[in-house]
Protein backbone atom coordinates (compact mmCIF):
# COMPACT_ATOMS: atom_id res chain seq x y z
CA UNK A 1 0.00 0.00 0.00
CA UNK A 2 1.38 3.39 -1.02
CA UNK A 3 1.14 5.93 1.79
CA UNK A 4 1.71 9.62 2.43
CA UNK A 5 5.11 11.29 2.39
CA UNK A 6 4.59 14.69 3.98
CA UNK A 7 2.26 17.15 5.67
CA UNK A 8 0.36 19.65 3.51
CA UNK A 9 -1.58 22.85 4.14
CA UNK A 10 -5.04 21.41 4.74
CA UNK A 11 -6.71 24.71 5.65
CA UNK A 12 -8.78 24.72 2.43
CA UNK A 13 -9.77 21.06 2.65
CA UNK A 14 -12.68 19.39 4.43
CA UNK A 15 -11.82 18.16 7.95
CA UNK A 16 -10.47 14.61 7.97
CA UNK A 17 -9.13 14.85 4.40
CA UNK A 18 -5.77 14.24 2.82
CA UNK A 19 -4.49 14.76 -0.71
CA UNK A 20 -3.71 12.35 -3.57
CA UNK A 21 -1.38 13.25 -6.46
CA UNK A 22 -0.77 10.69 -9.23
CA UNK A 23 2.10 11.21 -11.67
CA UNK A 24 0.92 9.40 -14.81
CA UNK A 25 2.36 9.33 -18.33
CA UNK A 26 2.14 12.53 -20.32
CA UNK A 27 1.18 12.84 -23.95
CA UNK A 28 1.78 15.50 -26.59
CA UNK A 29 -1.10 17.79 -27.56
CA UNK A 30 -0.96 20.62 -30.09
CA UNK A 31 -2.60 23.79 -28.78
CA UNK A 32 -3.26 27.32 -29.93
CA UNK A 33 -5.02 28.48 -33.06
CA UNK A 34 -2.25 27.31 -35.36
CA UNK A 35 -1.21 24.26 -33.33
CA UNK A 36 2.25 25.69 -32.73
CA UNK A 37 2.01 25.53 -28.94
CA UNK A 38 2.53 22.12 -27.39
CA UNK A 39 1.24 20.85 -24.05
CA UNK A 40 2.03 17.63 -22.22
CA UNK A 41 -0.95 16.79 -19.96
CA UNK A 42 -0.88 13.79 -17.66
CA UNK A 43 -3.16 10.88 -18.58
CA UNK A 44 -6.23 10.30 -16.43
CA UNK A 45 -6.88 7.68 -13.79
CA UNK A 46 -9.68 6.19 -11.70
CA UNK A 47 -10.04 6.14 -7.91
CA UNK A 48 -11.74 3.05 -6.49
CA UNK A 49 -13.05 2.78 -2.94
CA UNK A 50 -12.00 -0.02 -0.57
CA UNK A 51 -14.64 -2.35 -2.07
CA UNK A 52 -13.39 -1.76 -5.63
CA UNK A 53 -16.32 0.45 -6.69
CA UNK A 54 -15.52 3.48 -8.85
CA UNK A 55 -15.43 6.62 -6.70
CA UNK A 56 -14.02 9.17 -9.14
CA UNK A 57 -12.56 9.61 -12.64
CA UNK A 58 -9.70 12.14 -12.69
CA UNK A 59 -8.60 13.89 -15.91
CA UNK A 60 -5.30 14.70 -14.15
CA UNK A 61 -4.61 18.24 -15.36
CA UNK A 62 -3.61 20.23 -12.28
CA UNK A 63 -4.80 23.72 -11.31
CA UNK A 64 -4.93 25.20 -14.81
CA UNK A 65 -1.54 23.74 -15.76
CA UNK A 66 -1.73 20.81 -18.14
CA UNK A 67 1.84 19.75 -17.31
CA UNK A 68 1.08 19.27 -13.60
CA UNK A 69 -0.95 16.39 -12.15
CA UNK A 70 -4.16 17.10 -10.24
CA UNK A 71 -4.30 17.37 -6.46
CA UNK A 72 -7.32 15.30 -5.39
CA UNK A 73 -8.67 15.79 -1.85
CA UNK A 74 -10.10 12.61 -0.33
CA UNK A 75 -11.42 11.63 3.09
CA UNK A 76 -8.83 9.69 5.08
CA UNK A 77 -9.01 5.98 4.29
CA UNK A 78 -7.96 3.19 1.95
CA UNK A 79 -8.48 3.39 -1.81
CA UNK A 80 -7.15 2.00 -5.08
CA UNK A 81 -5.75 3.96 -8.05
CA UNK A 82 -6.21 2.36 -11.47
CA UNK A 83 -4.12 3.83 -14.29
CA UNK A 84 -1.72 3.09 -17.11
CA UNK A 85 1.83 2.81 -15.85
CA UNK A 86 4.80 3.59 -18.04
CA UNK A 87 6.65 0.47 -19.10
CA UNK A 88 4.15 -1.84 -17.33
CA UNK A 89 0.56 -1.42 -18.57
CA UNK A 90 -2.60 -0.89 -16.53
CA UNK A 91 -2.10 -1.30 -12.79
CA UNK A 92 -4.26 -1.06 -9.69
CA UNK A 93 -2.33 0.32 -6.72
CA UNK A 94 -3.66 0.29 -3.13
CA UNK A 95 -3.20 3.67 -1.45
CA UNK A 96 -3.59 5.19 2.00
CA UNK A 97 -4.88 8.73 2.57
CA UNK A 98 -4.22 10.29 5.98
CA UNK A 99 -5.63 13.56 7.28
CA UNK A 100 -3.46 16.58 6.39
CA UNK A 101 -0.93 14.55 4.37
CA UNK A 102 -0.03 14.14 0.69
CA UNK A 103 0.04 10.66 -0.89
CA UNK A 104 1.99 10.81 -4.17
CA UNK A 105 1.88 7.85 -6.59
CA UNK A 106 4.49 7.68 -9.37
CA UNK A 107 3.25 5.82 -12.46
CA UNK A 108 5.16 7.85 -15.06
CA UNK A 109 8.35 6.75 -16.79
CA UNK A 110 11.21 6.50 -14.33
CA UNK A 111 8.92 6.10 -11.32
CA UNK A 112 9.57 7.99 -8.09
CA UNK A 113 12.61 10.25 -8.54
CA UNK A 114 15.50 9.30 -6.22
CA UNK A 115 15.47 12.83 -4.74
CA UNK A 116 11.84 12.27 -3.65
CA UNK A 117 12.58 8.94 -1.94
CA UNK A 118 12.71 9.61 1.81
CA UNK A 119 15.43 7.84 3.77
CA UNK A 120 14.31 5.31 6.31
CA UNK A 121 11.03 4.52 4.50
CA UNK A 122 10.28 1.27 2.69
CA UNK A 123 9.60 1.77 -1.03
CA UNK A 124 6.68 0.18 -2.91
CA UNK A 125 7.67 -1.36 -6.24
CA UNK A 126 5.91 -3.03 -9.12
CA UNK A 127 7.16 -6.53 -10.02
CA UNK A 128 9.45 -4.96 -12.66
CA UNK A 129 11.20 -2.83 -9.98
CA UNK A 130 9.42 0.46 -10.86
CA UNK A 131 9.17 2.54 -7.60
CA UNK A 132 5.61 3.90 -7.27
CA UNK A 133 5.81 5.40 -3.77
CA UNK A 134 6.54 4.79 -0.10
CA UNK A 135 4.86 2.14 2.00
CA UNK A 136 1.95 3.33 4.10
CA UNK A 137 1.83 2.68 7.82
CA UNK A 138 -0.69 0.13 9.08
CA UNK A 139 -3.58 1.71 10.96
CA UNK A 140 -4.15 0.22 14.41
C-alpha atoms as a PDB file:
ATOM      1  CA  UNK A   1       0.000   0.000   0.000  1.00  0.00           C
ATOM      2  CA  UNK A   2       1.382   3.394  -1.023  1.00  0.00           C
ATOM      3  CA  UNK A   3       1.144   5.927   1.789  1.00  0.00           C
ATOM      4  CA  UNK A   4       1.710   9.620   2.433  1.00  0.00           C
ATOM      5  CA  UNK A   5       5.112  11.286   2.390  1.00  0.00           C
ATOM      6  CA  UNK A   6       4.594  14.690   3.979  1.00  0.00           C
ATOM      7  CA  UNK A   7       2.259  17.150   5.671  1.00  0.00           C
ATOM      8  CA  UNK A   8       0.355  19.653   3.511  1.00  0.00           C
ATOM      9  CA  UNK A   9      -1.579  22.848   4.145  1.00  0.00           C
ATOM     10  CA  UNK A  10      -5.042  21.406   4.744  1.00  0.00           C
ATOM     11  CA  UNK A  11      -6.713  24.706   5.651  1.00  0.00           C
ATOM     12  CA  UNK A  12      -8.777  24.723   2.432  1.00  0.00           C
ATOM     13  CA  UNK A  13      -9.775  21.058   2.653  1.00  0.00           C
ATOM     14  CA  UNK A  14     -12.679  19.390   4.431  1.00  0.00           C
ATOM     15  CA  UNK A  15     -11.816  18.155   7.955  1.00  0.00           C
ATOM     16  CA  UNK A  16     -10.472  14.607   7.967  1.00  0.00           C
ATOM     17  CA  UNK A  17      -9.132  14.852   4.396  1.00  0.00           C
ATOM     18  CA  UNK A  18      -5.769  14.244   2.819  1.00  0.00           C
ATOM     19  CA  UNK A  19      -4.485  14.762  -0.708  1.00  0.00           C
ATOM     20  CA  UNK A  20      -3.708  12.353  -3.574  1.00  0.00           C
ATOM     21  CA  UNK A  21      -1.378  13.252  -6.458  1.00  0.00           C
ATOM     22  CA  UNK A  22      -0.774  10.694  -9.231  1.00  0.00           C
ATOM     23  CA  UNK A  23       2.100  11.208 -11.671  1.00  0.00           C
ATOM     24  CA  UNK A  24       0.924   9.396 -14.810  1.00  0.00           C
ATOM     25  CA  UNK A  25       2.365   9.327 -18.326  1.00  0.00           C
ATOM     26  CA  UNK A  26       2.138  12.531 -20.316  1.00  0.00           C
ATOM     27  CA  UNK A  27       1.180  12.839 -23.954  1.00  0.00           C
ATOM     28  CA  UNK A  28       1.783  15.502 -26.592  1.00  0.00           C
ATOM     29  CA  UNK A  29      -1.104  17.787 -27.557  1.00  0.00           C
ATOM     30  CA  UNK A  30      -0.963  20.624 -30.090  1.00  0.00           C
ATOM     31  CA  UNK A  31      -2.604  23.793 -28.775  1.00  0.00           C
ATOM     32  CA  UNK A  32      -3.257  27.316 -29.925  1.00  0.00           C
ATOM     33  CA  UNK A  33      -5.016  28.479 -33.056  1.00  0.00           C
ATOM     34  CA  UNK A  34      -2.253  27.312 -35.364  1.00  0.00           C
ATOM     35  CA  UNK A  35      -1.212  24.261 -33.330  1.00  0.00           C
ATOM     36  CA  UNK A  36       2.253  25.692 -32.728  1.00  0.00           C
ATOM     37  CA  UNK A  37       2.011  25.525 -28.939  1.00  0.00           C
ATOM     38  CA  UNK A  38       2.532  22.124 -27.387  1.00  0.00           C
ATOM     39  CA  UNK A  39       1.239  20.847 -24.053  1.00  0.00           C
ATOM     40  CA  UNK A  40       2.034  17.635 -22.218  1.00  0.00           C
ATOM     41  CA  UNK A  41      -0.945  16.794 -19.958  1.00  0.00           C
ATOM     42  CA  UNK A  42      -0.884  13.786 -17.656  1.00  0.00           C
ATOM     43  CA  UNK A  43      -3.156  10.877 -18.580  1.00  0.00           C
ATOM     44  CA  UNK A  44      -6.229  10.301 -16.434  1.00  0.00           C
ATOM     45  CA  UNK A  45      -6.878   7.677 -13.789  1.00  0.00           C
ATOM     46  CA  UNK A  46      -9.680   6.186 -11.704  1.00  0.00           C
ATOM     47  CA  UNK A  47     -10.035   6.138  -7.908  1.00  0.00           C
ATOM     48  CA  UNK A  48     -11.745   3.053  -6.492  1.00  0.00           C
ATOM     49  CA  UNK A  49     -13.052   2.781  -2.937  1.00  0.00           C
ATOM     50  CA  UNK A  50     -12.000  -0.016  -0.569  1.00  0.00           C
ATOM     51  CA  UNK A  51     -14.641  -2.354  -2.073  1.00  0.00           C
ATOM     52  CA  UNK A  52     -13.386  -1.757  -5.632  1.00  0.00           C
ATOM     53  CA  UNK A  53     -16.321   0.453  -6.693  1.00  0.00           C
ATOM     54  CA  UNK A  54     -15.517   3.484  -8.846  1.00  0.00           C
ATOM     55  CA  UNK A  55     -15.425   6.616  -6.698  1.00  0.00           C
ATOM     56  CA  UNK A  56     -14.022   9.171  -9.143  1.00  0.00           C
ATOM     57  CA  UNK A  57     -12.563   9.615 -12.637  1.00  0.00           C
ATOM     58  CA  UNK A  58      -9.697  12.143 -12.686  1.00  0.00           C
ATOM     59  CA  UNK A  59      -8.604  13.885 -15.911  1.00  0.00           C
ATOM     60  CA  UNK A  60      -5.303  14.704 -14.148  1.00  0.00           C
ATOM     61  CA  UNK A  61      -4.607  18.239 -15.355  1.00  0.00           C
ATOM     62  CA  UNK A  62      -3.614  20.228 -12.282  1.00  0.00           C
ATOM     63  CA  UNK A  63      -4.802  23.716 -11.315  1.00  0.00           C
ATOM     64  CA  UNK A  64      -4.929  25.201 -14.808  1.00  0.00           C
ATOM     65  CA  UNK A  65      -1.543  23.738 -15.763  1.00  0.00           C
ATOM     66  CA  UNK A  66      -1.731  20.805 -18.141  1.00  0.00           C
ATOM     67  CA  UNK A  67       1.839  19.753 -17.311  1.00  0.00           C
ATOM     68  CA  UNK A  68       1.077  19.272 -13.602  1.00  0.00           C
ATOM     69  CA  UNK A  69      -0.947  16.388 -12.149  1.00  0.00           C
ATOM     70  CA  UNK A  70      -4.163  17.105 -10.237  1.00  0.00           C
ATOM     71  CA  UNK A  71      -4.302  17.369  -6.461  1.00  0.00           C
ATOM     72  CA  UNK A  72      -7.320  15.301  -5.387  1.00  0.00           C
ATOM     73  CA  UNK A  73      -8.666  15.794  -1.849  1.00  0.00           C
ATOM     74  CA  UNK A  74     -10.101  12.607  -0.331  1.00  0.00           C
ATOM     75  CA  UNK A  75     -11.424  11.628   3.088  1.00  0.00           C
ATOM     76  CA  UNK A  76      -8.827   9.693   5.080  1.00  0.00           C
ATOM     77  CA  UNK A  77      -9.010   5.984   4.292  1.00  0.00           C
ATOM     78  CA  UNK A  78      -7.962   3.187   1.950  1.00  0.00           C
ATOM     79  CA  UNK A  79      -8.480   3.390  -1.806  1.00  0.00           C
ATOM     80  CA  UNK A  80      -7.149   2.004  -5.079  1.00  0.00           C
ATOM     81  CA  UNK A  81      -5.747   3.958  -8.052  1.00  0.00           C
ATOM     82  CA  UNK A  82      -6.209   2.355 -11.473  1.00  0.00           C
ATOM     83  CA  UNK A  83      -4.117   3.827 -14.285  1.00  0.00           C
ATOM     84  CA  UNK A  84      -1.719   3.093 -17.105  1.00  0.00           C
ATOM     85  CA  UNK A  85       1.828   2.805 -15.845  1.00  0.00           C
ATOM     86  CA  UNK A  86       4.801   3.592 -18.040  1.00  0.00           C
ATOM     87  CA  UNK A  87       6.654   0.467 -19.101  1.00  0.00           C
ATOM     88  CA  UNK A  88       4.147  -1.836 -17.330  1.00  0.00           C
ATOM     89  CA  UNK A  89       0.564  -1.418 -18.572  1.00  0.00           C
ATOM     90  CA  UNK A  90      -2.596  -0.891 -16.533  1.00  0.00           C
ATOM     91  CA  UNK A  91      -2.098  -1.296 -12.789  1.00  0.00           C
ATOM     92  CA  UNK A  92      -4.261  -1.061  -9.686  1.00  0.00           C
ATOM     93  CA  UNK A  93      -2.329   0.325  -6.719  1.00  0.00           C
ATOM     94  CA  UNK A  94      -3.657   0.288  -3.132  1.00  0.00           C
ATOM     95  CA  UNK A  95      -3.200   3.674  -1.452  1.00  0.00           C
ATOM     96  CA  UNK A  96      -3.588   5.187   1.995  1.00  0.00           C
ATOM     97  CA  UNK A  97      -4.879   8.729   2.567  1.00  0.00           C
ATOM     98  CA  UNK A  98      -4.217  10.290   5.976  1.00  0.00           C
ATOM     99  CA  UNK A  99      -5.626  13.560   7.280  1.00  0.00           C
ATOM    100  CA  UNK A 100      -3.465  16.575   6.388  1.00  0.00           C
ATOM    101  CA  UNK A 101      -0.932  14.555   4.366  1.00  0.00           C
ATOM    102  CA  UNK A 102      -0.026  14.140   0.691  1.00  0.00           C
ATOM    103  CA  UNK A 103       0.045  10.664  -0.885  1.00  0.00           C
ATOM    104  CA  UNK A 104       1.994  10.807  -4.169  1.00  0.00           C
ATOM    105  CA  UNK A 105       1.878   7.850  -6.586  1.00  0.00           C
ATOM    106  CA  UNK A 106       4.486   7.683  -9.374  1.00  0.00           C
ATOM    107  CA  UNK A 107       3.255   5.818 -12.460  1.00  0.00           C
ATOM    108  CA  UNK A 108       5.158   7.855 -15.061  1.00  0.00           C
ATOM    109  CA  UNK A 109       8.352   6.749 -16.795  1.00  0.00           C
ATOM    110  CA  UNK A 110      11.210   6.498 -14.325  1.00  0.00           C
ATOM    111  CA  UNK A 111       8.923   6.097 -11.316  1.00  0.00           C
ATOM    112  CA  UNK A 112       9.572   7.987  -8.089  1.00  0.00           C
ATOM    113  CA  UNK A 113      12.609  10.246  -8.538  1.00  0.00           C
ATOM    114  CA  UNK A 114      15.500   9.300  -6.220  1.00  0.00           C
ATOM    115  CA  UNK A 115      15.475  12.827  -4.741  1.00  0.00           C
ATOM    116  CA  UNK A 116      11.842  12.266  -3.651  1.00  0.00           C
ATOM    117  CA  UNK A 117      12.582   8.944  -1.942  1.00  0.00           C
ATOM    118  CA  UNK A 118      12.712   9.611   1.814  1.00  0.00           C
ATOM    119  CA  UNK A 119      15.430   7.844   3.767  1.00  0.00           C
ATOM    120  CA  UNK A 120      14.313   5.306   6.315  1.00  0.00           C
ATOM    121  CA  UNK A 121      11.029   4.520   4.498  1.00  0.00           C
ATOM    122  CA  UNK A 122      10.284   1.272   2.687  1.00  0.00           C
ATOM    123  CA  UNK A 123       9.595   1.769  -1.031  1.00  0.00           C
ATOM    124  CA  UNK A 124       6.685   0.181  -2.914  1.00  0.00           C
ATOM    125  CA  UNK A 125       7.670  -1.359  -6.239  1.00  0.00           C
ATOM    126  CA  UNK A 126       5.909  -3.030  -9.121  1.00  0.00           C
ATOM    127  CA  UNK A 127       7.156  -6.534 -10.021  1.00  0.00           C
ATOM    128  CA  UNK A 128       9.453  -4.958 -12.658  1.00  0.00           C
ATOM    129  CA  UNK A 129      11.196  -2.827  -9.981  1.00  0.00           C
ATOM    130  CA  UNK A 130       9.417   0.462 -10.859  1.00  0.00           C
ATOM    131  CA  UNK A 131       9.174   2.536  -7.600  1.00  0.00           C
ATOM    132  CA  UNK A 132       5.607   3.901  -7.270  1.00  0.00           C
ATOM    133  CA  UNK A 133       5.809   5.403  -3.775  1.00  0.00           C
ATOM    134  CA  UNK A 134       6.540   4.789  -0.105  1.00  0.00           C
ATOM    135  CA  UNK A 135       4.855   2.137   1.998  1.00  0.00           C
ATOM    136  CA  UNK A 136       1.948   3.334   4.102  1.00  0.00           C
ATOM    137  CA  UNK A 137       1.827   2.677   7.818  1.00  0.00           C
ATOM    138  CA  UNK A 138      -0.685   0.126   9.077  1.00  0.00           C
ATOM    139  CA  UNK A 139      -3.579   1.710  10.963  1.00  0.00           C
ATOM    140  CA  UNK A 140      -4.146   0.220  14.409  1.00  0.00           C
END
